[in-house]
Amino acid sequence: MRFPIDYEAYTNEEIAFLVDFLHRVELVGNHQKKDKKLLEDYQTFQSILNNKSEEKAIDKAFEKTSGVSVYKLMQSLKE
């Protein structure tokens, strides 16, 4: 799957983190299981993007291709 990330806007380490994070979101979202580390990594995800509009755009594009919303999944994990 190609992830909705602007690969030119981030370092290689940040891209690796973002791709890994989104992959894990997809796996957890499709299997409906808890992942405490994923919730912790959400903060890193947000700090890398550091822009709410970009976070929303990535979430929308990711949900369209994977069927899983990052934001909605994080909210369900907090419960």
PDB file of N, CA and C in Angstrom:
ATOM      1  N   MET A   1       0.846  -1.185   0.000  1.00  0.00           N
ATOM      2  CA  MET A   1       0.000   0.000   0.000  1.00  0.00           C
ATOM      3  C   MET A   1       0.889   1.246   0.000  1.00  0.00           C
ATOM      4  N   ARG A   2       0.524   2.201  -0.787  1.00  0.00           N
ATOM      5  CA  ARG A   2       1.221   3.484  -0.777  1.00  0.00           C
ATOM      6  C   ARG A   2       0.536   4.363   0.257  1.00  0.00           C
ATOM      7  N   PHE A   3       1.310   4.879   1.183  1.00  0.00           N
ATOM      8  CA  PHE A   3       0.755   5.691   2.249  1.00  0.00           C
ATOM      9  C   PHE A   3       0.678   7.155   1.833  1.00  0.00           C
ATOM     10  N   PRO A   4      -0.345   7.876   2.298  1.00  0.00           N
ATOM     11  CA  PRO A   4      -0.568   9.269   1.882  1.00  0.00           C
ATOM     12  C   PRO A   4       0.352  10.248   2.606  1.00  0.00           C
ATOM     13  N   ILE A   5       1.645  10.124   2.339  1.00  0.00           N
ATOM     14  CA  ILE A   5       2.647  10.955   3.004  1.00  0.00           C
ATOM     15  C   ILE A   5       3.430  11.703   1.935  1.00  0.00           C
ATOM     16  N   ASP A   6       3.731  12.967   2.191  1.00  0.00           N
ATOM     17  CA  ASP A   6       4.606  13.729   1.303  1.00  0.00           C
ATOM     18  C   ASP A   6       6.038  13.316   1.643  1.00  0.00           C
ATOM     19  N   TYR A   7       6.580  12.397   0.884  1.00  0.00           N
ATOM     20  CA  TYR A   7       7.875  11.806   1.185  1.00  0.00           C
ATOM     21  C   TYR A   7       9.027  12.806   1.100  1.00  0.00           C
ATOM     22  N   GLU A   8       8.814  13.925   0.480  1.00  0.00           N
ATOM     23  CA  GLU A   8       9.868  14.928   0.374  1.00  0.00           C
ATOM     24  C   GLU A   8       9.878  15.893   1.558  1.00  0.00           C
ATOM     25  N   ALA A   9       8.832  15.861   2.372  1.00  0.00           N
ATOM     26  CA  ALA A   9       8.707  16.819   3.474  1.00  0.00           C
ATOM     27  C   ALA A   9       9.326  16.336   4.781  1.00  0.00           C
ATOM     28  N   TYR A  10       9.753  15.068   4.815  1.00  0.00           N
ATOM     29  CA  TYR A  10      10.230  14.489   6.067  1.00  0.00           C
ATOM     30  C   TYR A  10      11.565  13.791   5.882  1.00  0.00           C
ATOM     31  N   THR A  11      12.259  13.570   6.994  1.00  0.00           N
ATOM     32  CA  THR A  11      13.518  12.825   6.953  1.00  0.00           C
ATOM     33  C   THR A  11      13.211  11.345   6.744  1.00  0.00           C
ATOM     34  N   ASN A  12      14.241  10.590   6.410  1.00  0.00           N
ATOM     35  CA  ASN A  12      14.058   9.143   6.223  1.00  0.00           C
ATOM     36  C   ASN A  12      13.555   8.483   7.504  1.00  0.00           C
ATOM     37  N   GLU A  13      14.063   8.922   8.659  1.00  0.00           N
ATOM     38  CA  GLU A  13      13.647   8.351   9.936  1.00  0.00           C
ATOM     39  C   GLU A  13      12.177   8.664  10.212  1.00  0.00           C
ATOM     40  N   GLU A  14      11.762   9.887   9.903  1.00  0.00           N
ATOM     41  CA  GLU A  14      10.364  10.273  10.109  1.00  0.00           C
ATOM     42  C   GLU A  14       9.447   9.487   9.177  1.00  0.00           C
ATOM     43  N   ILE A  15       9.851   9.317   7.939  1.00  0.00           N
ATOM     44  CA  ILE A  15       9.054   8.548   6.974  1.00  0.00           C
ATOM     45  C   ILE A  15       8.922   7.102   7.447  1.00  0.00           C
ATOM     46  N   ALA A  16      10.020   6.522   7.907  1.00  0.00           N
ATOM     47  CA  ALA A  16       9.975   5.148   8.399  1.00  0.00           C
ATOM     48  C   ALA A  16       9.003   5.034   9.571  1.00  0.00           C
ATOM     49  N   PHE A  17       9.041   5.992  10.476  1.00  0.00           N
ATOM     50  CA  PHE A  17       8.122   5.974  11.608  1.00  0.00           C
ATOM     51  C   PHE A  17       6.684   6.098  11.132  1.00  0.00           C
ATOM     52  N   LEU A  18       6.409   7.070  10.243  1.00  0.00           N
ATOM     53  CA  LEU A  18       5.045   7.306   9.766  1.00  0.00           C
ATOM     54  C   LEU A  18       4.485   6.082   9.046  1.00  0.00           C
ATOM     55  N   VAL A  19       5.283   5.470   8.194  1.00  0.00           N
ATOM     56  CA  VAL A  19       4.834   4.287   7.463  1.00  0.00           C
ATOM     57  C   VAL A  19       4.556   3.146   8.436  1.00  0.00           C
ATOM     58  N   ASP A  20       5.459   2.929   9.389  1.00  0.00           N
ATOM     59  CA  ASP A  20       5.257   1.878  10.380  1.00  0.00           C
ATOM     60  C   ASP A  20       4.008   2.152  11.210  1.00  0.00           C
ATOM     61  N   PHE A  21       3.840   3.390  11.629  1.00  0.00           N
ATOM     62  CA  PHE A  21       2.682   3.757  12.438  1.00  0.00           C
ATOM     63  C   PHE A  21       1.380   3.502  11.670  1.00  0.00           C
ATOM     64  N   LEU A  22       1.304   3.977  10.435  1.00  0.00           N
ATOM     65  CA  LEU A  22       0.082   3.790   9.645  1.00  0.00           C
ATOM     66  C   LEU A  22      -0.183   2.313   9.356  1.00  0.00           C
ATOM     67  N   HIS A  23       0.867   1.559   9.147  1.00  0.00           N
ATOM     68  CA  HIS A  23       0.704   0.115   8.928  1.00  0.00           C
ATOM     69  C   HIS A  23       0.115  -0.537  10.173  1.00  0.00           C
ATOM     70  N   ARG A  24       0.620  -0.176  11.337  1.00  0.00           N
ATOM     71  CA  ARG A  24       0.100  -0.735  12.586  1.00  0.00           C
ATOM     72  C   ARG A  24      -1.330  -0.275  12.847  1.00  0.00           C
ATOM     73  N   VAL A  25      -1.655   0.970  12.495  1.00  0.00           N
ATOM     74  CA  VAL A  25      -3.034   1.459  12.626  1.00  0.00           C
ATOM     75  C   VAL A  25      -3.961   0.590  11.798  1.00  0.00           C
ATOM     76  N   GLU A  26      -3.548   0.293  10.585  1.00  0.00           N
ATOM     77  CA  GLU A  26      -4.365  -0.548   9.707  1.00  0.00           C
ATOM     78  C   GLU A  26      -4.559  -1.942  10.303  1.00  0.00           C
ATOM     79  N   LEU A  27      -3.500  -2.531  10.805  1.00  0.00           N
ATOM     80  CA  LEU A  27      -3.592  -3.865  11.394  1.00  0.00           C
ATOM     81  C   LEU A  27      -4.489  -3.879  12.629  1.00  0.00           C
ATOM     82  N   VAL A  28      -4.294  -2.925  13.513  1.00  0.00           N
ATOM     83  CA  VAL A  28      -5.101  -2.865  14.740  1.00  0.00           C
ATOM     84  C   VAL A  28      -6.549  -2.540  14.397  1.00  0.00           C
ATOM     85  N   GLY A  29      -6.755  -1.616  13.485  1.00  0.00           N
ATOM     86  CA  GLY A  29      -8.114  -1.227  13.099  1.00  0.00           C
ATOM     87  C   GLY A  29      -8.902  -2.352  12.471  1.00  0.00           C
ATOM     88  N   ASN A  30      -8.244  -3.161  11.690  1.00  0.00           N
ATOM     89  CA  ASN A  30      -8.931  -4.274  11.031  1.00  0.00           C
ATOM     90  C   ASN A  30      -9.154  -5.463  11.957  1.00  0.00           C
ATOM     91  N   HIS A  31      -8.377  -5.549  13.030  1.00  0.00           N
ATOM     92  CA  HIS A  31      -8.495  -6.686  13.946  1.00  0.00           C
ATOM     93  C   HIS A  31      -9.122  -6.294  15.279  1.00  0.00           C
ATOM     94  N   GLN A  32      -9.386  -4.989  15.470  1.00  0.00           N
ATOM     95  CA  GLN A  32     -10.066  -4.494  16.669  1.00  0.00           C
ATOM     96  C   GLN A  32      -9.411  -4.976  17.968  1.00  0.00           C
ATOM     97  N   LYS A  33      -8.090  -4.884  18.040  1.00  0.00           N
ATOM     98  CA  LYS A  33      -7.423  -5.257  19.280  1.00  0.00           C
ATOM     99  C   LYS A  33      -6.689  -4.037  19.842  1.00  0.00           C
ATOM    100  N   LYS A  34      -6.428  -4.060  21.122  1.00  0.00           N
ATOM    101  CA  LYS A  34      -5.772  -2.940  21.794  1.00  0.00           C
ATOM    102  C   LYS A  34      -4.269  -2.998  21.562  1.00  0.00           C
ATOM    103  N   ASP A  35      -3.652  -1.838  21.498  1.00  0.00           N
ATOM    104  CA  ASP A  35      -2.206  -1.716  21.318  1.00  0.00           C
ATOM    105  C   ASP A  35      -1.780  -0.455  22.056  1.00  0.00           C
ATOM    106  N   LYS A  36      -1.330  -0.619  23.293  1.00  0.00           N
ATOM    107  CA  LYS A  36      -0.957   0.526  24.124  1.00  0.00           C
ATOM    108  C   LYS A  36       0.163   1.349  23.481  1.00  0.00           C
ATOM    109  N   LYS A  37       1.129   0.690  22.882  1.00  0.00           N
ATOM    110  CA  LYS A  37       2.246   1.388  22.241  1.00  0.00           C
ATOM    111  C   LYS A  37       1.751   2.257  21.093  1.00  0.00           C
ATOM    112  N   LEU A  38       0.743   1.788  20.393  1.00  0.00           N
ATOM    113  CA  LEU A  38       0.194   2.550  19.271  1.00  0.00           C
ATOM    114  C   LEU A  38      -0.358   3.884  19.755  1.00  0.00           C
ATOM    115  N   LEU A  39      -1.020   3.853  20.878  1.00  0.00           N
ATOM    116  CA  LEU A  39      -1.567   5.083  21.454  1.00  0.00           C
ATOM    117  C   LEU A  39      -0.441   6.037  21.847  1.00  0.00           C
ATOM    118  N   GLU A  40       0.630   5.501  22.404  1.00  0.00           N
ATOM    119  CA  GLU A  40       1.799   6.325  22.741  1.00  0.00           C
ATOM    120  C   GLU A  40       2.442   6.894  21.473  1.00  0.00           C
ATOM    121  N   ASP A  41       2.535   6.064  20.439  1.00  0.00           N
ATOM    122  CA  ASP A  41       3.159   6.503  19.185  1.00  0.00           C
ATOM    123  C   ASP A  41       2.327   7.546  18.451  1.00  0.00           C
ATOM    124  N   TYR A  42       1.056   7.627  18.776  1.00  0.00           N
ATOM    125  CA  TYR A  42       0.192   8.643  18.164  1.00  0.00           C
ATOM    126  C   TYR A  42       0.713  10.044  18.480  1.00  0.00           C
ATOM    127  N   GLN A  43       1.247  10.229  19.668  1.00  0.00           N
ATOM    128  CA  GLN A  43       1.810  11.530  20.038  1.00  0.00           C
ATOM    129  C   GLN A  43       3.025  11.859  19.168  1.00  0.00           C
ATOM    130  N   THR A  44       3.844  10.854  18.898  1.00  0.00           N
ATOM    131  CA  THR A  44       4.999  11.065  18.018  1.00  0.00           C
ATOM    132  C   THR A  44       4.523  11.373  16.601  1.00  0.00           C
ATOM    133  N   PHE A  45       3.516  10.643  16.144  1.00  0.00           N
ATOM    134  CA  PHE A  45       2.909  10.882  14.831  1.00  0.00           C
ATOM    135  C   PHE A  45       2.483  12.338  14.720  1.00  0.00           C
ATOM    136  N   GLN A  46       1.783  12.832  15.746  1.00  0.00           N
ATOM    137  CA  GLN A  46       1.315  14.215  15.742  1.00  0.00           C
ATOM    138  C   GLN A  46       2.482  15.202  15.794  1.00  0.00           C
ATOM    139  N   SER A  47       3.517  14.894  16.548  1.00  0.00           N
ATOM    140  CA  SER A  47       4.656  15.820  16.650  1.00  0.00           C
ATOM    141  C   SER A  47       5.449  15.884  15.353  1.00  0.00           C
ATOM    142  N   ILE A  48       5.531  14.770  14.634  1.00  0.00           N
ATOM    143  CA  ILE A  48       6.232  14.780  13.343  1.00  0.00           C
ATOM    144  C   ILE A  48       5.460  15.639  12.348  1.00  0.00           C
ATOM    145  N   LEU A  49       4.150  15.443  12.289  1.00  0.00           N
ATOM    146  CA  LEU A  49       3.343  16.218  11.342  1.00  0.00           C
ATOM    147  C   LEU A  49       3.271  17.673  11.776  1.00  0.00           C
ATOM    148  N   ASN A  50       3.054  17.897  13.087  1.00  0.00           N
ATOM    149  CA  ASN A  50       3.057  19.239  13.666  1.00  0.00           C
ATOM    150  C   ASN A  50       2.148  20.206  12.909  1.00  0.00           C
ATOM    151  N   ASN A  51       1.059  19.681  12.351  1.00  0.00           N
ATOM    152  CA  ASN A  51       0.149  20.499  11.570  1.00  0.00           C
ATOM    153  C   ASN A  51      -1.197  19.772  11.506  1.00  0.00           C
ATOM    154  N   LYS A  52      -2.217  20.334  12.153  1.00  0.00           N
ATOM    155  CA  LYS A  52      -3.529  19.676  12.218  1.00  0.00           C
ATOM    156  C   LYS A  52      -4.128  19.445  10.839  1.00  0.00           C
ATOM    157  N   SER A  53      -3.979  20.398   9.941  1.00  0.00           N
ATOM    158  CA  SER A  53      -4.589  20.228   8.621  1.00  0.00           C
ATOM    159  C   SER A  53      -3.915  19.095   7.848  1.00  0.00           C
ATOM    160  N   GLU A  54      -2.611  18.949   7.996  1.00  0.00           N
ATOM    161  CA  GLU A  54      -1.920  17.851   7.325  1.00  0.00           C
ATOM    162  C   GLU A  54      -2.300  16.515   7.970  1.00  0.00           C
ATOM    163  N   GLU A  55      -2.429  16.523   9.295  1.00  0.00           N
ATOM    164  CA  GLU A  55      -2.850  15.313  10.004  1.00  0.00           C
ATOM    165  C   GLU A  55      -4.231  14.870   9.522  1.00  0.00           C
ATOM    166  N   LYS A  56      -5.141  15.818   9.377  1.00  0.00           N
ATOM    167  CA  LYS A  56      -6.491  15.495   8.906  1.00  0.00           C
ATOM    168  C   LYS A  56      -6.479  15.002   7.462  1.00  0.00           C
ATOM    169  N   ALA A  57      -5.642  15.621   6.622  1.00  0.00           N
ATOM    170  CA  ALA A  57      -5.556  15.212   5.216  1.00  0.00           C
ATOM    171  C   ALA A  57      -5.012  13.789   5.096  1.00  0.00           C
ATOM    172  N   ILE A  58      -3.972  13.480   5.876  1.00  0.00           N
ATOM    173  CA  ILE A  58      -3.408  12.127   5.860  1.00  0.00           C
ATOM    174  C   ILE A  58      -4.440  11.130   6.366  1.00  0.00           C
ATOM    175  N   ASP A  59      -5.135  11.499   7.453  1.00  0.00           N
ATOM    176  CA  ASP A  59      -6.150  10.599   8.013  1.00  0.00           C
ATOM    177  C   ASP A  59      -7.254  10.326   7.002  1.00  0.00           C
ATOM    178  N   LYS A  60      -7.712  11.354   6.329  1.00  0.00           N
ATOM    179  CA  LYS A  60      -8.794  11.207   5.347  1.00  0.00           C
ATOM    180  C   LYS A  60      -8.351  10.307   4.181  1.00  0.00           C
ATOM    181  N   ALA A  61      -7.160  10.555   3.655  1.00  0.00           N
ATOM    182  CA  ALA A  61      -6.651   9.752   2.538  1.00  0.00           C
ATOM    183  C   ALA A  61      -6.393   8.315   2.983  1.00  0.00           C
ATOM    184  N   PHE A  62      -5.869   8.157   4.194  1.00  0.00           N
ATOM    185  CA  PHE A  62      -5.596   6.820   4.726  1.00  0.00           C
ATOM    186  C   PHE A  62      -6.892   6.048   4.930  1.00  0.00           C
ATOM    187  N   GLU A  63      -7.908   6.714   5.477  1.00  0.00           N
ATOM    188  CA  GLU A  63      -9.199   6.051   5.691  1.00  0.00           C
ATOM    189  C   GLU A  63      -9.828   5.644   4.361  1.00  0.00           C
ATOM    190  N   LYS A  64      -9.656   6.477   3.351  1.00  0.00           N
ATOM    191  CA  LYS A  64     -10.227   6.173   2.033  1.00  0.00           C
ATOM    192  C   LYS A  64      -9.609   4.903   1.443  1.00  0.00           C
ATOM    193  N   THR A  65      -8.305   4.716   1.633  1.00  0.00           N
ATOM    194  CA  THR A  65      -7.648   3.550   1.044  1.00  0.00           C
ATOM    195  C   THR A  65      -7.676   2.318   1.942  1.00  0.00           C
ATOM    196  N   SER A  66      -7.670   2.526   3.275  1.00  0.00           N
ATOM    197  CA  SER A  66      -7.577   1.381   4.184  1.00  0.00           C
ATOM    198  C   SER A  66      -8.884   1.049   4.890  1.00  0.00           C
ATOM    199  N   GLY A  67      -9.782   2.025   4.953  1.00  0.00           N
ATOM    200  CA  GLY A  67     -11.021   1.823   5.684  1.00  0.00           C
ATOM    201  C   GLY A  67     -10.892   2.086   7.175  1.00  0.00           C
ATOM    202  N   VAL A  68      -9.720   2.555   7.610  1.00  0.00           N
ATOM    203  CA  VAL A  68      -9.466   2.801   9.030  1.00  0.00           C
ATOM    204  C   VAL A  68      -9.081   4.268   9.215  1.00  0.00           C
ATOM    205  N   SER A  69      -9.754   4.940  10.141  1.00  0.00           N
ATOM    206  CA  SER A  69      -9.433   6.318  10.479  1.00  0.00           C
ATOM    207  C   SER A  69      -8.462   6.333  11.653  1.00  0.00           C
ATOM    208  N   VAL A  70      -7.337   7.007  11.494  1.00  0.00           N
ATOM    209  CA  VAL A  70      -6.360   7.123  12.570  1.00  0.00           C
ATOM    210  C   VAL A  70      -7.018   7.771  13.783  1.00  0.00           C
ATOM    211  N   TYR A  71      -7.682   8.891  13.574  1.00  0.00           N
ATOM    212  CA  TYR A  71      -8.289   9.631  14.677  1.00  0.00           C
ATOM    213  C   TYR A  71      -9.339   8.783  15.415  1.00  0.00           C
ATOM    214  N   LYS A  72     -10.225   8.167  14.675  1.00  0.00           N
ATOM    215  CA  LYS A  72     -11.286   7.367  15.304  1.00  0.00           C
ATOM    216  C   LYS A  72     -10.704   6.170  16.060  1.00  0.00           C
ATOM    217  N   LEU A  73      -9.687   5.544  15.495  1.00  0.00           N
ATOM    218  CA  LEU A  73      -9.066   4.417  16.178  1.00  0.00           C
ATOM    219  C   LEU A  73      -8.406   4.872  17.470  1.00  0.00           C
ATOM    220  N   MET A  74      -7.704   6.008  17.433  1.00  0.00           N
ATOM    221  CA  MET A  74      -7.050   6.497  18.641  1.00  0.00           C
ATOM    222  C   MET A  74      -8.080   6.828  19.716  1.00  0.00           C
ATOM    223  N   GLN A  75      -9.211   7.389  19.311  1.00  0.00           N
ATOM    224  CA  GLN A  75     -10.258   7.684  20.285  1.00  0.00           C
ATOM    225  C   GLN A  75     -10.803   6.403  20.911  1.00  0.00           C
ATOM    226  N   SER A  76     -10.959   5.354  20.109  1.00  0.00           N
ATOM    227  CA  SER A  76     -11.483   4.099  20.648  1.00  0.00           C
ATOM    228  C   SER A  76     -10.460   3.423  21.567  1.00  0.00           C
ATOM    229  N   LEU A  77      -9.170   3.598  21.295  1.00  0.00           N
ATOM    230  CA  LEU A  77      -8.146   3.010  22.148  1.00  0.00           C
ATOM    231  C   LEU A  77      -8.052   3.723  23.499  1.00  0.00           C
ATOM    232  N   LYS A  78      -8.439   4.990  23.531  1.00  0.00           N
ATOM    233  CA  LYS A  78      -8.405   5.761  24.777  1.00  0.00           C
ATOM    234  C   LYS A  78      -9.495   5.331  25.742  1.00  0.00           C
ATOM    235  N   GLU A  79     -10.542   4.706  25.224  1.00  0.00           N
ATOM    236  CA  GLU A  79     -11.677   4.308  26.061  1.00  0.00           C
ATOM    237  C   GLU A  79     -11.356   3.123  26.937  1.00  0.00           C
TER     238      GLU A  79
END
